[in-house]
Amino acid sequence: MSSPKSDNSKKNELEQLLIEVEQSLTQLQERHAQVKQDLEKRSQLQQRQQELKQQQQDQSIPQPLKTELRSLQQELDSLELNLESVLLPDIFWQVVRFVFLGIVIGWFLHIWAT
């Protein structure tokens, strides 16, 4: 039989684990919302950039449009960097996790086979 202390510690561990999972889920939802917002903004900026380039082809481009085009390009670059920095670390750590898991499984199979 398990002691009440053991049951209490297991219950506390489970509660702590649930809290951590809830926090991770909240962070993931926030990150997803940010990525979604950035993608939408990027799409709008690219559309505006296309409009300005079309205007540039139609006539000689005045200085305010050139400035706006540069500003849009800088904002697009910033958004791209933000999106990459959000998405790439997750991919990197998933690769690391699964490669490590594969190595461990291979090691256990090798030991088991010998």
Protein backbone atom coordinates (compact mmCIF):
# COMPACT_ATOMS: atom_id res chain seq x y z
CA MET A 1 0.00 0.00 0.00
CA SER A 2 1.12 3.52 -0.64
CA SER A 3 1.44 5.96 2.19
CA PRO A 4 -0.61 9.19 2.36
CA LYS A 5 2.63 11.16 1.97
CA SER A 6 3.38 9.38 -1.29
CA ASP A 7 -0.15 10.03 -2.59
CA ASN A 8 0.14 13.70 -1.61
CA SER A 9 3.47 14.13 -3.38
CA LYS A 10 2.12 12.43 -6.51
CA LYS A 11 -0.92 14.70 -6.41
CA ASN A 12 1.32 17.77 -6.03
CA GLU A 13 3.53 16.62 -8.90
CA LEU A 14 0.47 16.12 -11.09
CA GLU A 15 -0.90 19.55 -10.18
CA GLN A 16 2.47 21.14 -10.92
CA LEU A 17 2.65 19.34 -14.24
CA LEU A 18 -0.85 20.53 -15.16
CA ILE A 19 0.08 24.11 -14.29
CA GLU A 20 3.18 23.89 -16.49
CA VAL A 21 1.15 22.45 -19.37
CA GLU A 22 -1.43 25.24 -19.03
CA GLN A 23 1.34 27.86 -19.06
CA SER A 24 2.92 26.27 -22.13
CA LEU A 25 -0.44 26.22 -23.87
CA THR A 26 -1.01 29.88 -23.07
CA GLN A 27 2.42 30.80 -24.42
CA LEU A 28 1.78 28.76 -27.54
CA GLN A 29 -1.57 30.48 -28.10
CA GLU A 30 0.04 33.90 -27.66
CA ARG A 31 2.81 33.00 -30.10
CA HIS A 32 0.27 31.69 -32.61
CA ALA A 33 -1.75 34.90 -32.37
CA GLN A 34 1.41 36.98 -32.88
CA VAL A 35 2.48 34.96 -35.90
CA LYS A 36 -1.00 35.19 -37.38
CA GLN A 37 -1.04 38.95 -36.84
CA ASP A 38 2.44 39.36 -38.35
CA LEU A 39 1.50 37.30 -41.40
CA GLU A 40 -1.59 39.42 -41.96
CA LYS A 41 0.40 42.63 -41.58
CA ARG A 42 3.07 41.33 -43.95
CA SER A 43 0.41 40.60 -46.54
CA GLN A 44 -1.01 44.13 -46.22
CA LEU A 45 2.43 45.69 -46.48
CA GLN A 46 3.32 43.64 -49.53
CA GLN A 47 0.07 44.69 -51.18
CA ARG A 48 0.79 48.37 -50.47
CA GLN A 49 4.33 47.91 -51.77
CA GLN A 50 2.97 46.47 -55.01
CA GLU A 51 0.60 49.45 -55.36
CA LEU A 52 3.47 51.89 -54.92
CA LYS A 53 5.63 50.04 -57.43
CA GLN A 54 2.77 50.15 -59.91
CA GLN A 55 2.47 53.90 -59.38
CA GLN A 56 6.21 54.18 -59.88
CA GLN A 57 5.93 52.51 -63.27
CA ASP A 58 3.02 54.73 -64.29
CA GLN A 59 4.81 58.00 -63.56
CA SER A 60 8.02 59.36 -62.23
CA ILE A 61 7.99 58.65 -58.56
CA PRO A 62 7.91 61.64 -56.19
CA GLN A 63 10.11 61.73 -53.09
CA PRO A 64 7.31 60.93 -50.56
CA LEU A 65 6.51 57.70 -52.40
CA LYS A 66 10.18 56.71 -52.43
CA THR A 67 10.35 57.33 -48.71
CA GLU A 68 7.19 55.30 -48.13
CA LEU A 69 8.56 52.47 -50.25
CA ARG A 70 11.79 52.39 -48.21
CA SER A 71 9.79 52.48 -45.00
CA LEU A 72 7.58 49.61 -46.16
CA GLN A 73 10.62 47.57 -47.12
CA GLN A 74 12.21 48.11 -43.72
CA GLU A 75 8.98 47.13 -41.96
CA LEU A 76 8.68 44.01 -44.14
CA ASP A 77 12.26 43.05 -43.34
CA SER A 78 11.56 43.49 -39.64
CA LEU A 79 8.43 41.32 -39.85
CA GLU A 80 10.28 38.61 -41.76
CA LEU A 81 12.99 38.55 -39.12
CA ASN A 82 10.39 38.36 -36.36
CA LEU A 83 8.56 35.50 -38.07
CA GLU A 84 11.78 33.58 -38.64
CA SER A 85 12.90 34.04 -35.06
CA VAL A 86 9.57 32.71 -33.80
CA LEU A 87 9.35 29.71 -36.10
CA LEU A 88 12.95 28.51 -36.44
CA PRO A 89 13.77 27.81 -32.78
CA ASP A 90 10.78 25.45 -32.54
CA ILE A 91 11.89 23.54 -35.62
CA PHE A 92 15.47 23.38 -34.36
CA TRP A 93 14.48 21.96 -30.98
CA GLN A 94 12.11 19.44 -32.54
CA VAL A 95 14.95 18.18 -34.74
CA VAL A 96 17.28 17.98 -31.75
CA ARG A 97 14.65 16.17 -29.68
CA PHE A 98 13.87 13.55 -32.33
CA VAL A 99 17.50 12.96 -33.29
CA PHE A 100 18.37 12.44 -29.63
CA LEU A 101 15.37 10.15 -29.21
CA GLY A 102 16.50 8.15 -32.26
CA ILE A 103 19.99 7.81 -30.85
CA VAL A 104 18.67 6.62 -27.49
CA ILE A 105 16.32 4.10 -29.10
CA GLY A 106 19.14 2.85 -31.32
CA TRP A 107 21.42 2.51 -28.33
CA PHE A 108 18.81 0.51 -26.40
CA LEU A 109 18.17 -1.74 -29.42
CA HIS A 110 21.89 -2.30 -29.81
CA ILE A 111 22.25 -3.28 -26.15
CA TRP A 112 19.18 -5.48 -26.31
CA ALA A 113 20.41 -7.25 -29.45
CA THR A 114 23.84 -8.07 -27.97
